[in-house]
């Protein structure tokens, strides 16, 4: 969901995004890009719990649709051509009254 893309001066880089599925709690993930080749999905940080920030659950007053995964960023370090990426995931930490998400930062050396 909501990816961010960064390519270094060699034309290599990554696409970072939040990953969620029936088999994955919301997780931090990316694919590497080398020329025109895209890698399989790498999970940087696996999520540990279901999303329940601004609740999407009707039983708890939500409309059945949660707001999720809309914060991703990627940038190139011009000194060593590494890619730095950040995106949302659900950690195994105590939640606040309105959210249970966190940001995970990944450094990738293409």
C-alpha atoms as a PDB file:
ATOM      1  CA  UNK A   1       0.000   0.000   0.000  1.00  0.00           C
ATOM      2  CA  UNK A   2       1.157   3.541  -0.771  1.00  0.00           C
ATOM      3  CA  UNK A   3       4.700   2.877  -2.029  1.00  0.00           C
ATOM      4  CA  UNK A   4       7.716   5.153  -2.207  1.00  0.00           C
ATOM      5  CA  UNK A   5      10.531   4.695  -4.746  1.00  0.00           C
ATOM      6  CA  UNK A   6      14.219   5.648  -4.703  1.00  0.00           C
ATOM      7  CA  UNK A   7      16.887   4.948  -7.346  1.00  0.00           C
ATOM      8  CA  UNK A   8      20.586   5.677  -6.871  1.00  0.00           C
ATOM      9  CA  UNK A   9      22.983   7.017  -9.499  1.00  0.00           C
ATOM     10  CA  UNK A  10      23.582   3.464 -10.784  1.00  0.00           C
ATOM     11  CA  UNK A  11      19.850   3.119 -11.567  1.00  0.00           C
ATOM     12  CA  UNK A  12      19.395   0.611  -8.737  1.00  0.00           C
ATOM     13  CA  UNK A  13      17.110   1.069  -5.778  1.00  0.00           C
ATOM     14  CA  UNK A  14      13.965  -0.061  -4.050  1.00  0.00           C
ATOM     15  CA  UNK A  15      10.213   0.326  -3.725  1.00  0.00           C
ATOM     16  CA  UNK A  16       9.021   0.341  -0.105  1.00  0.00           C
ATOM     17  CA  UNK A  17       5.417  -0.267   1.001  1.00  0.00           C
ATOM     18  CA  UNK A  18       3.209  -1.638   3.756  1.00  0.00           C
ATOM     19  CA  UNK A  19       2.194  -5.245   3.104  1.00  0.00           C
ATOM     20  CA  UNK A  20      -1.003  -6.793   4.448  1.00  0.00           C
ATOM     21  CA  UNK A  21      -2.882  -9.932   3.470  1.00  0.00           C
ATOM     22  CA  UNK A  22      -5.047 -12.679   4.958  1.00  0.00           C
ATOM     23  CA  UNK A  23      -1.743 -14.332   5.975  1.00  0.00           C
ATOM     24  CA  UNK A  24       0.220 -11.215   7.031  1.00  0.00           C
ATOM     25  CA  UNK A  25      -0.469  -8.624   9.694  1.00  0.00           C
ATOM     26  CA  UNK A  26       0.499  -5.156   8.350  1.00  0.00           C
ATOM     27  CA  UNK A  27       4.267  -5.375   7.775  1.00  0.00           C
ATOM     28  CA  UNK A  28       7.115  -3.272   6.405  1.00  0.00           C
ATOM     29  CA  UNK A  29       8.242  -4.622   3.019  1.00  0.00           C
ATOM     30  CA  UNK A  30      10.155  -3.695  -0.130  1.00  0.00           C
ATOM     31  CA  UNK A  31      11.335  -4.968  -3.490  1.00  0.00           C
ATOM     32  CA  UNK A  32      14.738  -4.155  -4.895  1.00  0.00           C
ATOM     33  CA  UNK A  33      15.131  -2.707  -8.380  1.00  0.00           C
ATOM     34  CA  UNK A  34      18.204  -3.452 -10.481  1.00  0.00           C
ATOM     35  CA  UNK A  35      17.839  -2.035 -13.975  1.00  0.00           C
ATOM     36  CA  UNK A  36      14.545  -3.498 -15.184  1.00  0.00           C
ATOM     37  CA  UNK A  37      14.580  -6.441 -12.743  1.00  0.00           C
ATOM     38  CA  UNK A  38      12.355  -6.438  -9.651  1.00  0.00           C
ATOM     39  CA  UNK A  39      13.158  -8.824  -6.784  1.00  0.00           C
ATOM     40  CA  UNK A  40      10.706 -10.942  -4.828  1.00  0.00           C
ATOM     41  CA  UNK A  41       9.167  -9.182  -1.806  1.00  0.00           C
ATOM     42  CA  UNK A  42      11.493  -8.714   1.174  1.00  0.00           C
ATOM     43  CA  UNK A  43       9.737  -8.312   4.542  1.00  0.00           C
ATOM     44  CA  UNK A  44      11.851  -5.837   6.542  1.00  0.00           C
ATOM     45  CA  UNK A  45       9.776  -6.102   9.706  1.00  0.00           C
ATOM     46  CA  UNK A  46       6.908  -8.514  10.123  1.00  0.00           C
ATOM     47  CA  UNK A  47       3.759  -7.151  11.742  1.00  0.00           C
ATOM     48  CA  UNK A  48       2.595  -8.762  14.982  1.00  0.00           C
ATOM     49  CA  UNK A  49      -1.054  -7.778  15.371  1.00  0.00           C
ATOM     50  CA  UNK A  50      -4.093  -6.664  13.337  1.00  0.00           C
ATOM     51  CA  UNK A  51      -4.516  -2.990  12.481  1.00  0.00           C
ATOM     52  CA  UNK A  52      -6.824  -1.123  14.831  1.00  0.00           C
ATOM     53  CA  UNK A  53      -5.885   2.538  14.838  1.00  0.00           C
ATOM     54  CA  UNK A  54      -8.900   4.630  13.861  1.00  0.00           C
ATOM     55  CA  UNK A  55     -10.934   1.481  14.159  1.00  0.00           C
ATOM     56  CA  UNK A  56     -12.218  -0.130  11.006  1.00  0.00           C
ATOM     57  CA  UNK A  57     -14.235  -2.626  13.012  1.00  0.00           C
ATOM     58  CA  UNK A  58     -18.013  -1.895  13.039  1.00  0.00           C
ATOM     59  CA  UNK A  59     -18.286  -3.570  16.466  1.00  0.00           C
ATOM     60  CA  UNK A  60     -16.156  -0.748  17.887  1.00  0.00           C
ATOM     61  CA  UNK A  61     -17.827   2.175  16.128  1.00  0.00           C
ATOM     62  CA  UNK A  62     -15.875   2.053  12.866  1.00  0.00           C
ATOM     63  CA  UNK A  63     -17.269   2.105   9.348  1.00  0.00           C
ATOM     64  CA  UNK A  64     -15.625  -1.190   8.359  1.00  0.00           C
ATOM     65  CA  UNK A  65     -12.757   0.519   6.523  1.00  0.00           C
ATOM     66  CA  UNK A  66      -9.528   1.359   8.297  1.00  0.00           C
ATOM     67  CA  UNK A  67      -7.109   4.105   7.319  1.00  0.00           C
ATOM     68  CA  UNK A  68      -3.822   2.346   6.842  1.00  0.00           C
ATOM     69  CA  UNK A  69      -0.464   2.321   5.082  1.00  0.00           C
ATOM     70  CA  UNK A  70      -0.364   5.900   3.825  1.00  0.00           C
ATOM     71  CA  UNK A  71       3.085   6.785   5.155  1.00  0.00           C
ATOM     72  CA  UNK A  72       6.090   5.563   3.145  1.00  0.00           C
ATOM     73  CA  UNK A  73       9.316   7.338   2.213  1.00  0.00           C
ATOM     74  CA  UNK A  74      12.536   6.435   0.408  1.00  0.00           C
ATOM     75  CA  UNK A  75      15.752   8.389  -0.135  1.00  0.00           C
ATOM     76  CA  UNK A  76      19.259   7.865  -1.517  1.00  0.00           C
ATOM     77  CA  UNK A  77      22.426   8.470   0.468  1.00  0.00           C
ATOM     78  CA  UNK A  78      24.607  10.071  -2.221  1.00  0.00           C
ATOM     79  CA  UNK A  79      27.817   9.229  -0.343  1.00  0.00           C
ATOM     80  CA  UNK A  80      27.529   5.416  -0.592  1.00  0.00           C
ATOM     81  CA  UNK A  81      24.448   4.983  -2.880  1.00  0.00           C
ATOM     82  CA  UNK A  82      22.487   3.170  -0.168  1.00  0.00           C
ATOM     83  CA  UNK A  83      18.703   3.432  -0.041  1.00  0.00           C
ATOM     84  CA  UNK A  84      16.932   4.395   3.194  1.00  0.00           C
ATOM     85  CA  UNK A  85      13.232   3.490   3.438  1.00  0.00           C
ATOM     86  CA  UNK A  86      10.506   3.988   6.021  1.00  0.00           C
ATOM     87  CA  UNK A  87       6.963   2.654   6.212  1.00  0.00           C
ATOM     88  CA  UNK A  88       4.263   1.575   8.646  1.00  0.00           C
ATOM     89  CA  UNK A  89       3.807  -1.773  10.361  1.00  0.00           C
ATOM     90  CA  UNK A  90       2.015  -3.135  13.449  1.00  0.00           C
ATOM     91  CA  UNK A  91       4.531  -3.919  16.220  1.00  0.00           C
ATOM     92  CA  UNK A  92       4.090  -5.944  19.363  1.00  0.00           C
ATOM     93  CA  UNK A  93       4.131  -2.808  21.518  1.00  0.00           C
ATOM     94  CA  UNK A  94       1.497  -1.250  23.742  1.00  0.00           C
ATOM     95  CA  UNK A  95      -1.042   0.724  21.718  1.00  0.00           C
ATOM     96  CA  UNK A  96      -2.281   4.238  22.339  1.00  0.00           C
ATOM     97  CA  UNK A  97      -5.969   5.096  22.579  1.00  0.00           C
ATOM     98  CA  UNK A  98      -6.157   5.730  18.812  1.00  0.00           C
ATOM     99  CA  UNK A  99      -3.367   3.756  17.162  1.00  0.00           C
ATOM    100  CA  UNK A 100      -1.229   0.661  17.256  1.00  0.00           C
ATOM    101  CA  UNK A 101       1.128   1.330  14.345  1.00  0.00           C
ATOM    102  CA  UNK A 102       4.818   2.225  14.206  1.00  0.00           C
ATOM    103  CA  UNK A 103       7.395   3.223  11.600  1.00  0.00           C
ATOM    104  CA  UNK A 104      10.121   0.831  10.516  1.00  0.00           C
ATOM    105  CA  UNK A 105      13.296   2.126   8.820  1.00  0.00           C
ATOM    106  CA  UNK A 106      15.313  -0.072   6.456  1.00  0.00           C
ATOM    107  CA  UNK A 107      18.756   0.535   4.962  1.00  0.00           C
ATOM    108  CA  UNK A 108      19.336  -1.243   1.627  1.00  0.00           C
ATOM    109  CA  UNK A 109      22.665  -1.573  -0.170  1.00  0.00           C
ATOM    110  CA  UNK A 110      21.889  -2.427  -3.821  1.00  0.00           C
END
